[in-house]
């Protein structure tokens, strides 16, 4: 279990359901390690600001996370977390390793639009 305040995706079915029910989704797939924890924290901070995006996490070592680990967009990634951005169920951006708040918000703004209250 990841100890975050994000929506936890525990199964591939949870992942599929979340993508089908939300237009804009950010999934952070990682562990409770030094490269992942800051990215979870950034997502937790942005969740209220970017209300048009569903923020989730998925445990990297969970066999069900193969739905993320096997994406063509993550081939060659060397570090976790894998952060996947989906628009209408399609991957529009994928990053790996630690990201700054500025890097994350730049992707969110470009892929999903700037929040009205930003």
Protein backbone atom coordinates (compact mmCIF):
# COMPACT_ATOMS: atom_id res chain seq x y z
CA UNK A 1 0.00 0.00 0.00
CA UNK A 2 1.21 3.48 -0.83
CA UNK A 3 0.77 5.92 2.03
CA UNK A 4 -0.57 8.89 0.12
CA UNK A 5 -3.83 10.80 0.09
CA UNK A 6 -4.29 10.08 -3.62
CA UNK A 7 -6.84 7.65 -5.04
CA UNK A 8 -5.20 4.21 -4.90
CA UNK A 9 -5.48 2.00 -7.97
CA UNK A 10 -5.08 -1.54 -6.63
CA UNK A 11 -6.02 -3.55 -9.71
CA UNK A 12 -5.91 -3.33 -13.47
CA UNK A 13 -9.71 -3.15 -13.31
CA UNK A 14 -9.47 -0.08 -11.01
CA UNK A 15 -7.09 1.47 -13.54
CA UNK A 16 -9.44 0.77 -16.48
CA UNK A 17 -12.48 2.04 -14.57
CA UNK A 18 -10.72 5.27 -13.59
CA UNK A 19 -9.68 5.91 -17.19
CA UNK A 20 -13.19 5.24 -18.46
CA UNK A 21 -14.84 7.53 -15.89
CA UNK A 22 -12.44 10.51 -16.09
CA UNK A 23 -11.34 12.56 -19.09
CA UNK A 24 -8.02 13.65 -17.54
CA UNK A 25 -6.02 11.28 -15.34
CA UNK A 26 -2.53 11.39 -13.82
CA UNK A 27 -1.23 8.10 -12.39
CA UNK A 28 1.98 7.93 -10.40
CA UNK A 29 3.31 4.38 -10.31
CA UNK A 30 6.05 3.98 -7.74
CA UNK A 31 7.14 3.04 -4.24
CA UNK A 32 7.51 4.92 -0.96
CA UNK A 33 11.07 5.93 -1.88
CA UNK A 34 13.06 9.17 -2.15
CA UNK A 35 12.38 9.70 -5.86
CA UNK A 36 8.66 8.95 -5.59
CA UNK A 37 7.52 10.63 -2.37
CA UNK A 38 8.07 14.20 -3.66
CA UNK A 39 5.98 13.47 -6.77
CA UNK A 40 3.12 12.11 -4.62
CA UNK A 41 3.33 15.27 -2.51
CA UNK A 42 3.14 17.49 -5.58
CA UNK A 43 0.07 15.61 -6.84
CA UNK A 44 -1.58 15.89 -3.43
CA UNK A 45 -0.99 19.67 -3.44
CA UNK A 46 -2.32 20.07 -6.99
CA UNK A 47 -5.42 17.91 -6.55
CA UNK A 48 -7.59 20.78 -5.29
CA UNK A 49 -6.17 23.30 -7.76
CA UNK A 50 -6.66 21.04 -10.79
CA UNK A 51 -10.17 19.79 -10.08
CA UNK A 52 -10.62 18.73 -13.73
CA UNK A 53 -7.93 16.04 -13.31
CA UNK A 54 -8.13 12.74 -11.41
CA UNK A 55 -4.88 12.13 -9.47
CA UNK A 56 -4.06 8.51 -8.61
CA UNK A 57 -1.25 6.29 -7.49
CA UNK A 58 -0.43 2.64 -8.13
CA UNK A 59 2.15 0.50 -6.38
CA UNK A 60 4.96 -0.29 -8.83
CA UNK A 61 5.63 -3.78 -7.43
CA UNK A 62 1.98 -4.84 -7.59
CA UNK A 63 1.57 -7.41 -10.40
CA UNK A 64 -1.55 -5.46 -11.44
CA UNK A 65 0.70 -2.47 -12.27
CA UNK A 66 1.77 -4.32 -15.40
CA UNK A 67 -0.87 -2.16 -17.12
CA UNK A 68 1.57 0.72 -16.59
CA UNK A 69 4.94 -1.06 -16.56
CA UNK A 70 4.21 -2.62 -19.98
CA UNK A 71 3.15 0.57 -21.76
CA UNK A 72 5.24 1.28 -24.87
CA UNK A 73 5.68 4.85 -23.60
CA UNK A 74 7.72 3.64 -20.59
CA UNK A 75 10.17 1.43 -22.46
CA UNK A 76 13.64 2.59 -21.59
CA UNK A 77 12.61 4.35 -18.39
CA UNK A 78 15.36 3.86 -15.81
CA UNK A 79 13.84 5.36 -12.66
CA UNK A 80 10.61 5.42 -10.75
CA UNK A 81 8.05 6.73 -10.35
CA UNK A 82 6.53 6.32 -13.76
CA UNK A 83 4.04 9.17 -14.11
CA UNK A 84 1.47 8.63 -16.82
CA UNK A 85 -0.90 11.31 -18.10
CA UNK A 86 -4.08 10.09 -19.83
CA UNK A 87 -6.58 12.06 -21.89
CA UNK A 88 -9.77 10.14 -22.72
CA UNK A 89 -8.01 6.88 -21.81
CA UNK A 90 -5.03 7.50 -24.11
CA UNK A 91 -1.48 8.17 -22.90
CA UNK A 92 -0.56 11.74 -23.85
CA UNK A 93 2.63 12.02 -21.80
CA UNK A 94 4.82 9.78 -19.62
CA UNK A 95 7.74 10.72 -17.40
CA UNK A 96 10.04 8.88 -15.05
CA UNK A 97 11.93 9.72 -11.89
CA UNK A 98 11.55 12.74 -9.69
CA UNK A 99 9.80 15.80 -11.11
CA UNK A 100 9.50 19.33 -9.74
CA UNK A 101 6.15 21.03 -9.20
CA UNK A 102 6.98 23.32 -12.15
CA UNK A 103 7.64 20.34 -14.44
CA UNK A 104 4.39 18.65 -13.40
CA UNK A 105 2.24 21.77 -13.76
CA UNK A 106 3.76 22.49 -17.20
CA UNK A 107 2.63 19.03 -18.37
CA UNK A 108 -0.81 19.38 -16.76
CA UNK A 109 -1.35 22.81 -18.32
CA UNK A 110 -0.20 21.67 -21.76
CA UNK A 111 -2.07 18.35 -21.84
CA UNK A 112 -5.23 19.17 -19.85
CA UNK A 113 -5.52 22.97 -19.78
CA UNK A 114 -4.86 25.55 -17.12
CA UNK A 115 -7.28 25.39 -14.19
CA UNK A 116 -9.80 28.21 -14.05
CA UNK A 117 -8.80 29.12 -10.48
CA UNK A 118 -5.03 28.96 -11.05
